[in-house]
C-alpha atoms as a PDB file:
ATOM      1  CA  UNK A   1     -18.447  20.437  21.500  1.00  0.00           C
ATOM      2  CA  UNK A   2     -20.980  17.621  21.180  1.00  0.00           C
ATOM      3  CA  UNK A   3     -20.066  14.509  19.223  1.00  0.00           C
ATOM      4  CA  UNK A   4     -21.587  11.139  18.400  1.00  0.00           C
ATOM      5  CA  UNK A   5     -18.967   8.561  19.355  1.00  0.00           C
ATOM      6  CA  UNK A   6     -18.410   5.040  20.620  1.00  0.00           C
ATOM      7  CA  UNK A   7     -16.019   3.837  23.297  1.00  0.00           C
ATOM      8  CA  UNK A   8     -16.256   0.125  22.518  1.00  0.00           C
ATOM      9  CA  UNK A   9     -17.163  -2.025  19.526  1.00  0.00           C
ATOM     10  CA  UNK A  10     -20.685  -3.375  19.204  1.00  0.00           C
ATOM     11  CA  UNK A  11     -24.106  -2.647  17.741  1.00  0.00           C
ATOM     12  CA  UNK A  12     -25.806   0.726  17.298  1.00  0.00           C
ATOM     13  CA  UNK A  13     -26.426   0.800  21.035  1.00  0.00           C
ATOM     14  CA  UNK A  14     -22.750   1.657  21.685  1.00  0.00           C
ATOM     15  CA  UNK A  15     -23.218   5.026  19.964  1.00  0.00           C
ATOM     16  CA  UNK A  16     -23.585   7.911  22.390  1.00  0.00           C
ATOM     17  CA  UNK A  17     -23.568  11.694  22.467  1.00  0.00           C
ATOM     18  CA  UNK A  18     -20.941  13.217  24.676  1.00  0.00           C
ATOM     19  CA  UNK A  19     -19.308  16.523  25.416  1.00  0.00           C
ATOM     20  CA  UNK A  20     -15.689  16.372  24.254  1.00  0.00           C
ATOM     21  CA  UNK A  21     -12.955  19.002  24.030  1.00  0.00           C
ATOM     22  CA  UNK A  22     -13.059  21.296  21.021  1.00  0.00           C
ATOM     23  CA  UNK A  23     -10.311  20.525  18.505  1.00  0.00           C
ATOM     24  CA  UNK A  24      -7.606  23.148  18.054  1.00  0.00           C
ATOM     25  CA  UNK A  25      -6.131  23.974  14.645  1.00  0.00           C
ATOM     26  CA  UNK A  26      -2.408  23.255  14.564  1.00  0.00           C
ATOM     27  CA  UNK A  27       0.095  24.580  12.023  1.00  0.00           C
ATOM     28  CA  UNK A  28      -1.309  24.233   8.510  1.00  0.00           C
ATOM     29  CA  UNK A  29      -4.729  23.190   9.835  1.00  0.00           C
ATOM     30  CA  UNK A  30      -8.170  24.702  10.125  1.00  0.00           C
ATOM     31  CA  UNK A  31     -11.281  23.800  12.109  1.00  0.00           C
ATOM     32  CA  UNK A  32     -14.522  23.054  10.245  1.00  0.00           C
ATOM     33  CA  UNK A  33     -17.923  23.470  11.887  1.00  0.00           C
ATOM     34  CA  UNK A  34     -19.792  20.497  10.471  1.00  0.00           C
ATOM     35  CA  UNK A  35     -23.091  21.215   8.720  1.00  0.00           C
ATOM     36  CA  UNK A  36     -23.755  17.672   7.485  1.00  0.00           C
ATOM     37  CA  UNK A  37     -22.040  14.276   7.388  1.00  0.00           C
ATOM     38  CA  UNK A  38     -22.728  11.360   5.037  1.00  0.00           C
ATOM     39  CA  UNK A  39     -23.169   7.831   6.359  1.00  0.00           C
ATOM     40  CA  UNK A  40     -20.918   5.102   4.941  1.00  0.00           C
ATOM     41  CA  UNK A  41     -20.757   1.333   5.262  1.00  0.00           C
ATOM     42  CA  UNK A  42     -17.306   1.656   6.844  1.00  0.00           C
ATOM     43  CA  UNK A  43     -18.905   3.526   9.759  1.00  0.00           C
ATOM     44  CA  UNK A  44     -20.884   0.375  10.607  1.00  0.00           C
ATOM     45  CA  UNK A  45     -18.063  -2.085   9.972  1.00  0.00           C
ATOM     46  CA  UNK A  46     -15.616  -0.273  12.227  1.00  0.00           C
ATOM     47  CA  UNK A  47     -18.217   0.283  14.940  1.00  0.00           C
ATOM     48  CA  UNK A  48     -18.926  -3.457  14.931  1.00  0.00           C
ATOM     49  CA  UNK A  49     -15.200  -4.218  15.070  1.00  0.00           C
ATOM     50  CA  UNK A  50     -12.482  -5.055  14.603  1.00  0.00           C
ATOM     51  CA  UNK A  51     -11.321  -1.775  13.084  1.00  0.00           C
ATOM     52  CA  UNK A  52     -10.326  -2.036   9.438  1.00  0.00           C
ATOM     53  CA  UNK A  53      -8.084   1.021   9.126  1.00  0.00           C
ATOM     54  CA  UNK A  54      -4.650   1.521  10.690  1.00  0.00           C
ATOM     55  CA  UNK A  55      -4.133   4.178  13.396  1.00  0.00           C
ATOM     56  CA  UNK A  56      -7.721   3.670  14.649  1.00  0.00           C
ATOM     57  CA  UNK A  57      -8.243   4.246  18.362  1.00  0.00           C
ATOM     58  CA  UNK A  58     -11.147   4.131  20.799  1.00  0.00           C
ATOM     59  CA  UNK A  59     -13.089   6.205  21.630  1.00  0.00           C
ATOM     60  CA  UNK A  60     -13.816   7.081  18.019  1.00  0.00           C
ATOM     61  CA  UNK A  61     -15.756   9.864  16.300  1.00  0.00           C
ATOM     62  CA  UNK A  62     -16.624   8.562  12.812  1.00  0.00           C
ATOM     63  CA  UNK A  63     -17.766  10.439   9.709  1.00  0.00           C
ATOM     64  CA  UNK A  64     -15.583  10.586   6.592  1.00  0.00           C
ATOM     65  CA  UNK A  65     -17.886  12.627   4.350  1.00  0.00           C
ATOM     66  CA  UNK A  66     -18.666  16.059   5.725  1.00  0.00           C
ATOM     67  CA  UNK A  67     -19.105  19.644   4.694  1.00  0.00           C
ATOM     68  CA  UNK A  68     -19.384  22.823   6.699  1.00  0.00           C
ATOM     69  CA  UNK A  69     -17.929  26.253   7.401  1.00  0.00           C
ATOM     70  CA  UNK A  70     -14.393  27.151   8.446  1.00  0.00           C
ATOM     71  CA  UNK A  71     -14.524  28.177  12.110  1.00  0.00           C
ATOM     72  CA  UNK A  72     -10.863  28.898  12.851  1.00  0.00           C
ATOM     73  CA  UNK A  73      -7.400  28.606  11.300  1.00  0.00           C
ATOM     74  CA  UNK A  74      -4.042  27.601  12.697  1.00  0.00           C
ATOM     75  CA  UNK A  75      -0.583  29.103  12.155  1.00  0.00           C
ATOM     76  CA  UNK A  76       0.347  29.447   8.495  1.00  0.00           C
ATOM     77  CA  UNK A  77      -3.228  29.407   7.189  1.00  0.00           C
ATOM     78  CA  UNK A  78      -4.864  32.451   5.599  1.00  0.00           C
ATOM     79  CA  UNK A  79      -7.270  34.008   8.147  1.00  0.00           C
ATOM     80  CA  UNK A  80      -9.460  34.965   5.206  1.00  0.00           C
ATOM     81  CA  UNK A  81     -10.620  31.357   5.028  1.00  0.00           C
ATOM     82  CA  UNK A  82     -12.723  31.775   8.180  1.00  0.00           C
ATOM     83  CA  UNK A  83     -16.388  31.663   7.206  1.00  0.00           C
ATOM     84  CA  UNK A  84     -15.835  29.909   3.866  1.00  0.00           C
ATOM     85  CA  UNK A  85     -17.891  26.851   2.884  1.00  0.00           C
ATOM     86  CA  UNK A  86     -15.866  23.654   2.417  1.00  0.00           C
ATOM     87  CA  UNK A  87     -16.074  19.920   1.833  1.00  0.00           C
ATOM     88  CA  UNK A  88     -13.292  17.743   3.196  1.00  0.00           C
ATOM     89  CA  UNK A  89     -11.093  15.222   1.398  1.00  0.00           C
ATOM     90  CA  UNK A  90     -10.727  12.697   4.250  1.00  0.00           C
ATOM     91  CA  UNK A  91      -7.640  10.870   2.908  1.00  0.00           C
ATOM     92  CA  UNK A  92      -4.395  12.277   4.345  1.00  0.00           C
ATOM     93  CA  UNK A  93      -1.068  10.919   3.081  1.00  0.00           C
ATOM     94  CA  UNK A  94       2.346  11.714   4.566  1.00  0.00           C
ATOM     95  CA  UNK A  95       3.483  13.723   1.537  1.00  0.00           C
ATOM     96  CA  UNK A  96       7.112  12.707   1.901  1.00  0.00           C
ATOM     97  CA  UNK A  97       7.487   8.977   1.162  1.00  0.00           C
ATOM     98  CA  UNK A  98       8.566   7.608  -2.225  1.00  0.00           C
ATOM     99  CA  UNK A  99       4.971   6.777  -3.188  1.00  0.00           C
ATOM    100  CA  UNK A 100       3.735  10.275  -2.381  1.00  0.00           C
ATOM    101  CA  UNK A 101       6.694  11.779  -4.256  1.00  0.00           C
ATOM    102  CA  UNK A 102       5.693  10.006  -7.467  1.00  0.00           C
ATOM    103  CA  UNK A 103       2.016  10.934  -7.179  1.00  0.00           C
ATOM    104  CA  UNK A 104       0.790   7.607  -5.769  1.00  0.00           C
ATOM    105  CA  UNK A 105      -0.305   9.158  -2.472  1.00  0.00           C
ATOM    106  CA  UNK A 106      -3.341   6.846  -2.388  1.00  0.00           C
ATOM    107  CA  UNK A 107      -0.921   3.974  -1.604  1.00  0.00           C
ATOM    108  CA  UNK A 108       0.938   5.785   1.181  1.00  0.00           C
ATOM    109  CA  UNK A 109       1.542   3.379   4.086  1.00  0.00           C
ATOM    110  CA  UNK A 110       1.286   6.216   6.610  1.00  0.00           C
ATOM    111  CA  UNK A 111      -2.097   7.421   5.316  1.00  0.00           C
ATOM    112  CA  UNK A 112      -4.754   8.378   7.833  1.00  0.00           C
ATOM    113  CA  UNK A 113      -8.460   8.839   7.126  1.00  0.00           C
ATOM    114  CA  UNK A 114     -10.494  11.555   8.797  1.00  0.00           C
ATOM    115  CA  UNK A 115     -13.522   9.837  10.312  1.00  0.00           C
ATOM    116  CA  UNK A 116     -12.017   6.425   9.590  1.00  0.00           C
ATOM    117  CA  UNK A 117      -8.841   6.299  11.640  1.00  0.00           C
ATOM    118  CA  UNK A 118      -8.949   9.733  13.302  1.00  0.00           C
ATOM    119  CA  UNK A 119     -11.910  11.806  14.485  1.00  0.00           C
ATOM    120  CA  UNK A 120     -14.372  12.998  11.865  1.00  0.00           C
ATOM    121  CA  UNK A 121     -17.675  14.598  10.991  1.00  0.00           C
ATOM    122  CA  UNK A 122     -19.894  13.025  13.660  1.00  0.00           C
ATOM    123  CA  UNK A 123     -18.479  15.842  15.776  1.00  0.00           C
ATOM    124  CA  UNK A 124     -19.643  19.455  15.637  1.00  0.00           C
ATOM    125  CA  UNK A 125     -16.070  20.598  14.987  1.00  0.00           C
ATOM    126  CA  UNK A 126     -13.236  18.851  13.128  1.00  0.00           C
ATOM    127  CA  UNK A 127      -9.587  19.886  12.721  1.00  0.00           C
ATOM    128  CA  UNK A 128      -8.283  19.065   9.231  1.00  0.00           C
ATOM    129  CA  UNK A 129      -5.306  20.004   7.052  1.00  0.00           C
ATOM    130  CA  UNK A 130      -6.126  23.261   5.291  1.00  0.00           C
ATOM    131  CA  UNK A 131      -5.137  21.634   1.992  1.00  0.00           C
ATOM    132  CA  UNK A 132      -7.932  19.070   2.419  1.00  0.00           C
ATOM    133  CA  UNK A 133     -10.758  21.564   2.970  1.00  0.00           C
ATOM    134  CA  UNK A 134     -11.918  22.350  -0.561  1.00  0.00           C
ATOM    135  CA  UNK A 135     -14.288  25.193  -1.450  1.00  0.00           C
ATOM    136  CA  UNK A 136     -17.948  24.459  -2.116  1.00  0.00           C
ATOM    137  CA  UNK A 137     -19.532  26.673  -4.800  1.00  0.00           C
ATOM    138  CA  UNK A 138     -22.378  28.895  -3.644  1.00  0.00           C
ATOM    139  CA  UNK A 139     -24.899  27.044  -5.815  1.00  0.00           C
ATOM    140  CA  UNK A 140     -24.222  23.747  -4.000  1.00  0.00           C
ATOM    141  CA  UNK A 141     -26.081  22.969  -0.760  1.00  0.00           C
ATOM    142  CA  UNK A 142     -23.723  21.824   2.028  1.00  0.00           C
ATOM    143  CA  UNK A 143     -25.904  18.792   2.717  1.00  0.00           C
ATOM    144  CA  UNK A 144     -25.579  17.763  -0.928  1.00  0.00           C
ATOM    145  CA  UNK A 145     -21.823  18.370  -0.755  1.00  0.00           C
ATOM    146  CA  UNK A 146     -21.581  15.978   2.198  1.00  0.00           C
ATOM    147  CA  UNK A 147     -23.035  13.194   0.028  1.00  0.00           C
ATOM    148  CA  UNK A 148     -20.229  13.420  -2.528  1.00  0.00           C
ATOM    149  CA  UNK A 149     -16.781  12.407  -1.226  1.00  0.00           C
ATOM    150  CA  UNK A 150     -16.814   8.632  -0.760  1.00  0.00           C
ATOM    151  CA  UNK A 151     -19.353   7.444  -3.333  1.00  0.00           C
ATOM    152  CA  UNK A 152     -18.329   9.723  -6.191  1.00  0.00           C
ATOM    153  CA  UNK A 153     -14.590   9.366  -5.580  1.00  0.00           C
ATOM    154  CA  UNK A 154     -15.049   5.578  -5.401  1.00  0.00           C
ATOM    155  CA  UNK A 155     -17.009   5.563  -8.652  1.00  0.00           C
ATOM    156  CA  UNK A 156     -14.633   8.003 -10.371  1.00  0.00           C
ATOM    157  CA  UNK A 157     -11.540   6.028  -9.377  1.00  0.00           C
ATOM    158  CA  UNK A 158     -12.952   2.634 -10.297  1.00  0.00           C
ATOM    159  CA  UNK A 159     -14.586   3.577 -13.588  1.00  0.00           C
ATOM    160  CA  UNK A 160     -12.133   6.007 -15.114  1.00  0.00           C
ATOM    161  CA  UNK A 161      -8.765   5.768 -13.349  1.00  0.00           C
ATOM    162  CA  UNK A 162      -8.587   2.016 -12.675  1.00  0.00           C
ATOM    163  CA  UNK A 163     -11.061   0.701 -15.247  1.00  0.00           C
ATOM    164  CA  UNK A 164     -10.561   3.225 -18.088  1.00  0.00           C
ATOM    165  CA  UNK A 165     -14.194   3.080 -19.111  1.00  0.00           C
ATOM    166  CA  UNK A 166     -14.616   4.280 -22.686  1.00  0.00           C
ATOM    167  CA  UNK A 167     -17.395   5.775 -24.789  1.00  0.00           C
ATOM    168  CA  UNK A 168     -19.721   3.098 -26.158  1.00  0.00           C
ATOM    169  CA  UNK A 169     -18.693   0.367 -23.714  1.00  0.00           C
ATOM    170  CA  UNK A 170     -21.163  -1.677 -21.676  1.00  0.00           C
ATOM    171  CA  UNK A 171     -20.735  -1.510 -17.909  1.00  0.00           C
ATOM    172  CA  UNK A 172     -22.297  -3.881 -15.368  1.00  0.00           C
ATOM    173  CA  UNK A 173     -22.654  -2.590 -11.779  1.00  0.00           C
ATOM    174  CA  UNK A 174     -24.139  -4.423  -8.803  1.00  0.00           C
ATOM    175  CA  UNK A 175     -26.341  -3.243  -5.904  1.00  0.00           C
ATOM    176  CA  UNK A 176     -28.524  -0.861  -7.895  1.00  0.00           C
ATOM    177  CA  UNK A 177     -29.827   1.133  -4.932  1.00  0.00           C
ATOM    178  CA  UNK A 178     -26.487   1.847  -3.250  1.00  0.00           C
ATOM    179  CA  UNK A 179     -24.954   5.312  -3.294  1.00  0.00           C
ATOM    180  CA  UNK A 180     -21.789   4.228  -5.092  1.00  0.00           C
ATOM    181  CA  UNK A 181     -23.794   2.418  -7.783  1.00  0.00           C
ATOM    182  CA  UNK A 182     -26.040   5.415  -8.434  1.00  0.00           C
ATOM    183  CA  UNK A 183     -22.947   7.628  -8.617  1.00  0.00           C
ATOM    184  CA  UNK A 184     -21.451   5.128 -11.073  1.00  0.00           C
ATOM    185  CA  UNK A 185     -24.595   5.132 -13.204  1.00  0.00           C
ATOM    186  CA  UNK A 186     -24.628   8.917 -13.390  1.00  0.00           C
ATOM    187  CA  UNK A 187     -20.935   9.228 -14.246  1.00  0.00           C
ATOM    188  CA  UNK A 188     -20.848   6.312 -16.709  1.00  0.00           C
ATOM    189  CA  UNK A 189     -23.884   7.546 -18.635  1.00  0.00           C
ATOM    190  CA  UNK A 190     -22.366  11.005 -18.987  1.00  0.00           C
ATOM    191  CA  UNK A 191     -19.194   9.348 -20.279  1.00  0.00           C
ATOM    192  CA  UNK A 192     -21.153   7.670 -23.076  1.00  0.00           C
ATOM    193  CA  UNK A 193     -21.359   4.127 -21.687  1.00  0.00           C
ATOM    194  CA  UNK A 194     -24.303   1.748 -21.602  1.00  0.00           C
ATOM    195  CA  UNK A 195     -25.089   0.719 -18.003  1.00  0.00           C
ATOM    196  CA  UNK A 196     -26.657  -2.496 -16.719  1.00  0.00           C
ATOM    197  CA  UNK A 197     -27.387  -2.790 -12.996  1.00  0.00           C
ATOM    198  CA  UNK A 198     -28.298  -5.688 -10.725  1.00  0.00           C
ATOM    199  CA  UNK A 199     -30.404  -5.758  -7.566  1.00  0.00           C
ATOM    200  CA  UNK A 200     -32.462  -8.121  -5.443  1.00  0.00           C
ATOM    201  CA  UNK A 201     -35.772  -6.315  -6.086  1.00  0.00           C
ATOM    202  CA  UNK A 202     -37.518  -4.725  -9.038  1.00  0.00           C
ATOM    203  CA  UNK A 203     -38.072  -1.541  -7.011  1.00  0.00           C
ATOM    204  CA  UNK A 204     -34.313  -1.079  -6.627  1.00  0.00           C
ATOM    205  CA  UNK A 205     -33.818  -1.627 -10.351  1.00  0.00           C
ATOM    206  CA  UNK A 206     -36.470   0.962 -11.144  1.00  0.00           C
ATOM    207  CA  UNK A 207     -34.735   3.412  -8.813  1.00  0.00           C
ATOM    208  CA  UNK A 208     -31.474   2.990 -10.769  1.00  0.00           C
ATOM    209  CA  UNK A 209     -33.296   3.386 -14.080  1.00  0.00           C
ATOM    210  CA  UNK A 210     -34.588   6.691 -12.756  1.00  0.00           C
ATOM    211  CA  UNK A 211     -30.953   7.814 -12.490  1.00  0.00           C
ATOM    212  CA  UNK A 212     -30.089   6.684 -16.023  1.00  0.00           C
ATOM    213  CA  UNK A 213     -29.439   2.922 -15.990  1.00  0.00           C
ATOM    214  CA  UNK A 214     -30.280   1.325 -19.330  1.00  0.00           C
ATOM    215  CA  UNK A 215     -31.253  -2.135 -18.061  1.00  0.00           C
ATOM    216  CA  UNK A 216     -31.660  -4.048 -14.814  1.00  0.00           C
ATOM    217  CA  UNK A 217     -31.291  -7.657 -13.682  1.00  0.00           C
ATOM    218  CA  UNK A 218     -33.148  -9.051 -10.673  1.00  0.00           C
ATOM    219  CA  UNK A 219     -30.637 -11.402  -9.046  1.00  0.00           C
ATOM    220  CA  UNK A 220     -33.377 -13.099  -7.026  1.00  0.00           C
ATOM    221  CA  UNK A 221     -35.175 -14.414 -10.104  1.00  0.00           C
ATOM    222  CA  UNK A 222     -32.617 -14.269 -12.915  1.00  0.00           C
ATOM    223  CA  UNK A 223     -29.177 -15.706 -13.683  1.00  0.00           C
ATOM    224  CA  UNK A 224     -26.868 -12.702 -13.975  1.00  0.00           C
ATOM    225  CA  UNK A 225     -24.538 -14.168 -16.580  1.00  0.00           C
ATOM    226  CA  UNK A 226     -27.330 -15.345 -18.864  1.00  0.00           C
ATOM    227  CA  UNK A 227     -29.129 -12.017 -18.584  1.00  0.00           C
ATOM    228  CA  UNK A 228     -26.021  -9.993 -19.438  1.00  0.00           C
ATOM    229  CA  UNK A 229     -25.294 -12.171 -22.453  1.00  0.00           C
ATOM    230  CA  UNK A 230     -28.873 -11.757 -23.633  1.00  0.00           C
ATOM    231  CA  UNK A 231     -28.690  -7.974 -23.218  1.00  0.00           C
ATOM    232  CA  UNK A 232     -25.425  -7.806 -25.171  1.00  0.00           C
ATOM    233  CA  UNK A 233     -26.365 -10.174 -28.030  1.00  0.00           C
ATOM    234  CA  UNK A 234     -24.125 -12.899 -26.614  1.00  0.00           C
ATOM    235  CA  UNK A 235     -21.005 -10.714 -26.392  1.00  0.00           C
ATOM    236  CA  UNK A 236     -20.823  -9.879 -22.675  1.00  0.00           C
ATOM    237  CA  UNK A 237     -20.060  -6.690 -20.797  1.00  0.00           C
ATOM    238  CA  UNK A 238     -16.865  -4.762 -21.492  1.00  0.00           C
ATOM    239  CA  UNK A 239     -16.406  -4.002 -17.805  1.00  0.00           C
ATOM    240  CA  UNK A 240     -17.898  -4.964 -14.442  1.00  0.00           C
ATOM    241  CA  UNK A 241     -17.609  -2.779 -11.352  1.00  0.00           C
ATOM    242  CA  UNK A 242     -18.066  -5.011  -8.282  1.00  0.00           C
ATOM    243  CA  UNK A 243     -18.069  -3.365  -4.849  1.00  0.00           C
ATOM    244  CA  UNK A 244     -19.893  -6.236  -3.110  1.00  0.00           C
ATOM    245  CA  UNK A 245     -17.225  -8.938  -2.765  1.00  0.00           C
ATOM    246  CA  UNK A 246     -17.839 -12.658  -3.267  1.00  0.00           C
ATOM    247  CA  UNK A 247     -21.636 -12.648  -3.757  1.00  0.00           C
ATOM    248  CA  UNK A 248     -21.518 -12.033  -7.525  1.00  0.00           C
ATOM    249  CA  UNK A 249     -17.793 -12.256  -8.216  1.00  0.00           C
ATOM    250  CA  UNK A 250     -17.919 -15.458 -10.265  1.00  0.00           C
ATOM    251  CA  UNK A 251     -21.031 -14.332 -12.145  1.00  0.00           C
ATOM    252  CA  UNK A 252     -19.255 -11.062 -12.931  1.00  0.00           C
ATOM    253  CA  UNK A 253     -16.308 -12.859 -14.505  1.00  0.00           C
ATOM    254  CA  UNK A 254     -18.565 -15.074 -16.607  1.00  0.00           C
ATOM    255  CA  UNK A 255     -20.632 -12.060 -17.716  1.00  0.00           C
ATOM    256  CA  UNK A 256     -17.592 -10.376 -19.276  1.00  0.00           C
ATOM    257  CA  UNK A 257     -16.676 -10.497 -22.937  1.00  0.00           C
ATOM    258  CA  UNK A 258     -13.289 -11.998 -23.864  1.00  0.00           C
ATOM    259  CA  UNK A 259     -10.585  -9.526 -22.775  1.00  0.00           C
ATOM    260  CA  UNK A 260     -13.107  -7.807 -20.500  1.00  0.00           C
ATOM    261  CA  UNK A 261     -12.229  -6.097 -17.203  1.00  0.00           C
ATOM    262  CA  UNK A 262     -13.452  -6.742 -13.677  1.00  0.00           C
ATOM    263  CA  UNK A 263     -12.775  -3.781 -11.397  1.00  0.00           C
ATOM    264  CA  UNK A 264     -13.404  -4.625  -7.768  1.00  0.00           C
ATOM    265  CA  UNK A 265     -13.302  -3.133  -4.296  1.00  0.00           C
ATOM    266  CA  UNK A 266     -15.324  -3.565  -1.131  1.00  0.00           C
ATOM    267  CA  UNK A 267     -16.166  -6.500   1.105  1.00  0.00           C
ATOM    268  CA  UNK A 268     -19.852  -6.005   1.883  1.00  0.00           C
ATOM    269  CA  UNK A 269     -20.585  -9.717   1.306  1.00  0.00           C
ATOM    270  CA  UNK A 270     -17.237 -11.077   2.536  1.00  0.00           C
ATOM    271  CA  UNK A 271     -13.503 -10.813   1.989  1.00  0.00           C
ATOM    272  CA  UNK A 272     -12.652 -14.111   0.245  1.00  0.00           C
ATOM    273  CA  UNK A 273     -13.499 -15.457  -3.200  1.00  0.00           C
ATOM    274  CA  UNK A 274     -12.739 -18.683  -5.062  1.00  0.00           C
ATOM    275  CA  UNK A 275     -11.565 -18.408  -8.655  1.00  0.00           C
ATOM    276  CA  UNK A 276     -11.676 -20.968 -11.442  1.00  0.00           C
ATOM    277  CA  UNK A 277      -8.407 -19.803 -12.968  1.00  0.00           C
ATOM    278  CA  UNK A 278      -8.901 -21.203 -16.509  1.00  0.00           C
ATOM    279  CA  UNK A 279     -12.114 -19.169 -16.830  1.00  0.00           C
ATOM    280  CA  UNK A 280     -10.022 -16.076 -16.255  1.00  0.00           C
ATOM    281  CA  UNK A 281      -6.857 -16.701 -18.247  1.00  0.00           C
ATOM    282  CA  UNK A 282      -8.331 -18.626 -21.186  1.00  0.00           C
ATOM    283  CA  UNK A 283     -10.579 -15.633 -21.866  1.00  0.00           C
ATOM    284  CA  UNK A 284      -7.896 -13.030 -21.177  1.00  0.00           C
ATOM    285  CA  UNK A 285      -9.914 -11.430 -18.383  1.00  0.00           C
ATOM    286  CA  UNK A 286      -8.224  -8.599 -16.497  1.00  0.00           C
ATOM    287  CA  UNK A 287      -8.843  -8.398 -12.734  1.00  0.00           C
ATOM    288  CA  UNK A 288      -8.250  -4.894 -11.369  1.00  0.00           C
ATOM    289  CA  UNK A 289      -8.203  -4.107  -7.675  1.00  0.00           C
ATOM    290  CA  UNK A 290      -9.185  -0.473  -7.300  1.00  0.00           C
ATOM    291  CA  UNK A 291      -7.524   1.306  -4.395  1.00  0.00           C
ATOM    292  CA  UNK A 292      -8.351   4.715  -3.000  1.00  0.00           C
ATOM    293  CA  UNK A 293      -8.035   7.936  -4.985  1.00  0.00           C
ATOM    294  CA  UNK A 294      -5.117  10.336  -5.254  1.00  0.00           C
ATOM    295  CA  UNK A 295      -5.407  13.937  -4.103  1.00  0.00           C
ATOM    296  CA  UNK A 296      -5.499  15.034  -7.740  1.00  0.00           C
ATOM    297  CA  UNK A 297      -8.228  12.518  -8.596  1.00  0.00           C
ATOM    298  CA  UNK A 298     -10.380  13.859  -5.769  1.00  0.00           C
ATOM    299  CA  UNK A 299     -10.028  17.434  -7.006  1.00  0.00           C
ATOM    300  CA  UNK A 300     -10.916  16.397 -10.567  1.00  0.00           C
ATOM    301  CA  UNK A 301     -13.974  14.490  -9.354  1.00  0.00           C
ATOM    302  CA  UNK A 302     -15.219  17.463  -7.346  1.00  0.00           C
ATOM    303  CA  UNK A 303     -14.665  19.918 -10.193  1.00  0.00           C
ATOM    304  CA  UNK A 304     -16.676  17.687 -12.517  1.00  0.00           C
ATOM    305  CA  UNK A 305     -19.514  17.142 -10.042  1.00  0.00           C
ATOM    306  CA  UNK A 306     -19.812  20.858  -9.258  1.00  0.00           C
ATOM    307  CA  UNK A 307     -20.339  21.627 -12.943  1.00  0.00           C
ATOM    308  CA  UNK A 308     -22.279  18.568 -14.130  1.00  0.00           C
ATOM    309  CA  UNK A 309     -25.635  19.331 -12.561  1.00  0.00           C
ATOM    310  CA  UNK A 310     -26.001  15.794 -11.215  1.00  0.00           C
ATOM    311  CA  UNK A 311     -29.340  14.950  -9.569  1.00  0.00           C
ATOM    312  CA  UNK A 312     -29.311  14.350  -5.832  1.00  0.00           C
ATOM    313  CA  UNK A 313     -28.583  10.826  -4.610  1.00  0.00           C
ATOM    314  CA  UNK A 314     -29.725  11.562  -1.056  1.00  0.00           C
ATOM    315  CA  UNK A 315     -32.331   9.084   0.176  1.00  0.00           C
ATOM    316  CA  UNK A 316     -33.064  10.986   3.373  1.00  0.00           C
ATOM    317  CA  UNK A 317     -31.724  13.547   5.816  1.00  0.00           C
ATOM    318  CA  UNK A 318     -31.792  12.851   9.551  1.00  0.00           C
ATOM    319  CA  UNK A 319     -30.614  14.913  12.513  1.00  0.00           C
ATOM    320  CA  UNK A 320     -27.303  13.724  13.958  1.00  0.00           C
ATOM    321  CA  UNK A 321     -29.220  12.861  17.141  1.00  0.00           C
ATOM    322  CA  UNK A 322     -30.753   9.942  15.193  1.00  0.00           C
ATOM    323  CA  UNK A 323     -27.368   8.373  14.468  1.00  0.00           C
ATOM    324  CA  UNK A 324     -28.366   4.959  15.862  1.00  0.00           C
ATOM    325  CA  UNK A 325     -31.446   4.881  13.631  1.00  0.00           C
ATOM    326  CA  UNK A 326     -29.277   5.791  10.648  1.00  0.00           C
ATOM    327  CA  UNK A 327     -26.927   2.879  11.345  1.00  0.00           C
ATOM    328  CA  UNK A 328     -29.903   0.519  11.692  1.00  0.00           C
ATOM    329  CA  UNK A 329     -31.359   1.651   8.353  1.00  0.00           C
ATOM    330  CA  UNK A 330     -28.081   1.008   6.541  1.00  0.00           C
ATOM    331  CA  UNK A 331     -27.570  -2.353   8.234  1.00  0.00           C
ATOM    332  CA  UNK A 332     -31.066  -3.416   7.143  1.00  0.00           C
ATOM    333  CA  UNK A 333     -30.396  -2.316   3.523  1.00  0.00           C
ATOM    334  CA  UNK A 334     -33.341   0.076   3.665  1.00  0.00           C
ATOM    335  CA  UNK A 335     -31.588   2.968   1.932  1.00  0.00           C
ATOM    336  CA  UNK A 336     -31.624   3.972  -1.715  1.00  0.00           C
ATOM    337  CA  UNK A 337     -28.700   6.275  -2.288  1.00  0.00           C
ATOM    338  CA  UNK A 338     -27.110   8.236   0.555  1.00  0.00           C
ATOM    339  CA  UNK A 339     -28.251   9.018   4.068  1.00  0.00           C
ATOM    340  CA  UNK A 340     -26.931  12.357   5.337  1.00  0.00           C
ATOM    341  CA  UNK A 341     -26.942  13.422   8.981  1.00  0.00           C
ATOM    342  CA  UNK A 342     -27.448  17.107   9.685  1.00  0.00           C
ATOM    343  CA  UNK A 343     -25.891  18.859  12.679  1.00  0.00           C
END
């Protein structure tokens, strides 16, 4: 098969197309012929190095978010699955440790990630556990399905599982044009929340409003904390979802109401923050680190998205042969929503 891969860390120039052996489905596995694969920030971070996920090895075939058709099955898998349309849950836990046994498989120390630590959807064929290839309804385009896994599971986990967003609450989300923010806007609005977004340009704010955001704050021209307080009659937001890192971390805390919640993940702007502790504990602020999703959470997210009629968050579709261009577009922050590569 053909695959986009890299043999060393570096810039987009290290990406190459090569002929590699076809994967073979082992016991309990099946092989998916990839139709489309979504681009993620982790693809760029790991390509640049050092790798962020355990079990990573070079050469590496990235691509966590992909959908396609079952090509072959291994021992113990129903042959009737050949030809079915699937989207893949890329997070594979061991299934046998104490954490997995109590349903906390997202914290499994032995977890591997398809396309993150083992080969993924940048290849024409991918071997995956049969349990992790979930059916795609006939009314859903496979390219659209490939845009779902990371951004919607990230939003679902952070808003509802970790953050427990409730009807009538005010949510603040940063980076208005990013895929995970647009997914968050869509999900939060359907859950009955009011949503405020931030961005560096008015065009990005308008894009988020087009997906349902109630208000926007231009961080280039406006103080985030002051703007949130003005929009909430001096009260503050009930919850902030921050997937940027340190850039707006302090502003997020100050924009919260007393007893508000800051749910955070991601290190796009760095991995270290400084906290003024009294600002946090005197106002009873809760800081919530949001880890990955459980297998059950992923299934619930998919079931909801299949039935909700959510508008597309795809910015553009490119052929997989333009993988280097895709990485350059994401690195330059020129995307609004998701970029999906089509095989």
